[in-house]
Amino acid sequence: MQYFEDIEVGSKASFGDYHVTRDEVIAYAEKFDPQPFHLSDEAAARTHFGRLSASGWHTCGMVMSMVVANLKANKQAGLGSPGIDELRWLKPVFPGDTLRCETEVVEKRASQSRPEMGSFRSKMVVLNQDDVPVMTFTSIGLVQTRPK
């Protein structure tokens, strides 16, 4: 199990392999972000996107699935997150893209009021198959301290 004490500022990780499908882009948009450029090739062609693109919120969901898979694989004693900072959608994500994540721990802090946990901040870069950054944010993770 990976606990708060095991997290090192400056440590980097690369993980994930999420293939974006047309059906998933449309299904997500129909339910959560029904803007025309997420639903229709014709409508998207008339925008700066040029073609059907995934919702930025869908991209966040795809990234979350990769993050959770990575946490499980590394057996991190995660306790959730109070949020993220500085979310930026840099480039559109299109059906056919394959996403992956690169992250670096930039800060960690033991909780003053909850000795059973600490928090850490990581810079996240999401890249497509051409290594072009499509999204960035700073995540804040809560993690259990090592049991005594």
Protein backbone atom coordinates (compact mmCIF):
# COMPACT_ATOMS: atom_id res chain seq x y z
CA MET A 1 0.00 0.00 0.00
CA GLN A 2 1.24 3.51 -0.80
CA TYR A 3 0.69 5.95 2.06
CA PHE A 4 1.25 9.69 2.52
CA GLU A 5 4.79 9.05 3.79
CA ASP A 6 5.66 7.28 0.51
CA ILE A 7 4.76 10.23 -1.71
CA GLU A 8 7.77 12.30 -2.75
CA VAL A 9 7.70 15.86 -4.07
CA GLY A 10 9.20 15.81 -7.55
CA SER A 11 8.15 12.25 -8.33
CA LYS A 12 6.72 11.80 -11.81
CA ALA A 13 4.44 9.22 -13.34
CA SER A 14 3.11 8.45 -16.80
CA PHE A 15 0.04 6.26 -17.17
CA GLY A 16 -3.15 5.60 -19.06
CA ASP A 17 -4.28 4.57 -22.49
CA TYR A 18 -7.82 5.76 -23.21
CA HIS A 19 -9.17 5.39 -26.74
CA VAL A 20 -11.85 7.98 -27.50
CA THR A 21 -14.78 6.64 -29.53
CA ARG A 22 -17.35 8.51 -31.57
CA ASP A 23 -20.23 6.64 -29.90
CA GLU A 24 -18.99 7.58 -26.43
CA VAL A 25 -18.48 11.25 -27.39
CA ILE A 26 -22.05 11.50 -28.67
CA ALA A 27 -23.59 9.51 -25.80
CA TYR A 28 -21.86 11.71 -23.20
CA ALA A 29 -22.89 14.89 -25.03
CA GLU A 30 -26.50 13.78 -25.37
CA LYS A 31 -26.74 13.30 -21.62
CA PHE A 32 -24.48 15.99 -20.16
CA ASP A 33 -23.30 18.58 -22.72
CA PRO A 34 -25.68 18.69 -25.70
CA GLN A 35 -23.92 21.39 -27.68
CA PRO A 36 -24.11 20.85 -31.46
CA PHE A 37 -20.35 20.44 -32.00
CA HIS A 38 -20.38 17.47 -29.58
CA LEU A 39 -23.37 15.85 -31.29
CA SER A 40 -23.09 16.36 -35.04
CA ASP A 41 -20.35 16.22 -37.67
CA GLU A 42 -22.19 18.82 -39.73
CA ALA A 43 -22.60 21.27 -36.85
CA ALA A 44 -19.01 20.75 -35.71
CA ALA A 45 -17.72 21.40 -39.26
CA ARG A 46 -19.16 24.94 -39.02
CA THR A 47 -17.15 25.73 -35.86
CA HIS A 48 -13.50 26.29 -35.02
CA PHE A 49 -13.38 22.59 -34.01
CA GLY A 50 -13.86 21.56 -37.63
CA ARG A 51 -15.19 18.16 -36.66
CA LEU A 52 -16.97 16.32 -33.86
CA SER A 53 -15.16 16.90 -30.57
CA ALA A 54 -15.50 15.56 -27.05
CA SER A 55 -16.86 17.76 -24.29
CA GLY A 56 -14.15 19.07 -22.00
CA TRP A 57 -16.14 17.61 -19.11
CA HIS A 58 -16.11 14.24 -20.88
CA THR A 59 -12.34 14.58 -21.19
CA CYS A 60 -12.21 15.11 -17.41
CA GLY A 61 -14.21 11.90 -16.94
CA MET A 62 -11.90 9.94 -19.24
CA VAL A 63 -8.92 11.22 -17.27
CA MET A 64 -10.57 10.30 -13.97
CA SER A 65 -10.95 6.72 -15.17
CA MET A 66 -7.23 6.58 -15.94
CA VAL A 67 -6.35 8.18 -12.58
CA VAL A 68 -8.43 5.66 -10.62
CA ALA A 69 -6.97 2.72 -12.57
CA ASN A 70 -3.49 4.05 -11.74
CA LEU A 71 -4.35 4.50 -8.04
CA LYS A 72 -5.63 0.92 -7.90
CA ALA A 73 -2.58 -0.46 -9.71
CA ASN A 74 -0.27 1.35 -7.27
CA LYS A 75 -2.44 0.48 -4.26
CA GLN A 76 -2.52 4.05 -3.03
CA ALA A 77 -4.37 4.60 0.25
CA GLY A 78 -6.36 7.38 -1.37
CA LEU A 79 -9.15 9.19 0.47
CA GLY A 80 -10.61 11.24 -2.38
CA SER A 81 -10.00 14.84 -3.31
CA PRO A 82 -11.23 18.26 -2.24
CA GLY A 83 -10.92 19.46 -5.84
CA ILE A 84 -8.66 20.62 -8.63
CA ASP A 85 -7.18 23.97 -9.57
CA GLU A 86 -6.26 25.65 -12.85
CA LEU A 87 -8.19 23.38 -15.22
CA ARG A 88 -7.40 24.25 -18.84
CA TRP A 89 -8.66 22.64 -22.04
CA LEU A 90 -5.81 23.33 -24.45
CA LYS A 91 -6.81 21.44 -27.60
CA PRO A 92 -9.94 19.60 -28.70
CA VAL A 93 -10.20 15.87 -28.12
CA PHE A 94 -11.57 13.99 -31.12
CA PRO A 95 -12.97 10.51 -31.69
CA GLY A 96 -10.00 8.32 -32.59
CA ASP A 97 -7.63 10.07 -30.18
CA THR A 98 -5.84 8.06 -27.52
CA LEU A 99 -5.20 9.90 -24.27
CA ARG A 100 -2.58 9.37 -21.57
CA CYS A 101 -1.49 11.23 -18.45
CA GLU A 102 1.76 12.62 -17.08
CA THR A 103 1.88 13.92 -13.53
CA GLU A 104 4.39 15.40 -11.11
CA VAL A 105 3.95 15.83 -7.36
CA VAL A 106 4.65 19.48 -6.57
CA GLU A 107 3.68 19.73 -2.89
CA LYS A 108 2.63 17.61 0.05
CA ARG A 109 1.32 18.57 3.46
CA ALA A 110 0.39 16.63 6.59
CA SER A 111 -3.01 17.57 7.93
CA GLN A 112 -2.85 19.63 11.13
CA SER A 113 -6.35 18.64 12.24
CA ARG A 114 -6.54 15.06 10.89
CA PRO A 115 -3.33 13.16 11.71
CA GLU A 116 -4.63 10.10 9.84
CA MET A 117 -4.26 11.88 6.48
CA GLY A 118 -2.27 14.27 4.39
CA SER A 119 -2.70 16.01 1.06
CA PHE A 120 -0.58 16.41 -2.01
CA ARG A 121 -0.77 18.52 -5.15
CA SER A 122 0.18 17.25 -8.58
CA LYS A 123 0.49 18.96 -11.95
CA MET A 124 -1.36 16.86 -14.52
CA VAL A 125 -0.83 17.01 -18.27
CA VAL A 126 -3.14 14.99 -20.53
CA LEU A 127 -1.68 14.22 -23.94
CA ASN A 128 -3.05 12.74 -27.13
CA GLN A 129 -1.40 10.09 -29.32
CA ASP A 130 0.80 12.77 -30.94
CA ASP A 131 2.10 13.88 -27.50
CA VAL A 132 0.17 17.14 -27.83
CA PRO A 133 -1.14 18.42 -24.49
CA VAL A 134 -4.94 18.63 -24.59
CA MET A 135 -5.70 19.41 -20.94
CA THR A 136 -3.87 20.47 -17.78
CA PHE A 137 -4.84 20.92 -14.16
CA THR A 138 -3.47 20.75 -10.64
CA SER A 139 -4.99 17.94 -8.62
CA ILE A 140 -5.29 17.85 -4.86
CA GLY A 141 -5.31 14.36 -3.40
CA LEU A 142 -6.02 13.17 0.12
CA VAL A 143 -4.18 10.09 1.26
CA GLN A 144 -4.03 8.06 4.44
CA THR A 145 -0.95 8.17 6.65
CA ARG A 146 0.77 4.90 7.48
CA PRO A 147 -1.02 3.12 10.33
CA LYS A 148 1.01 3.12 13.54
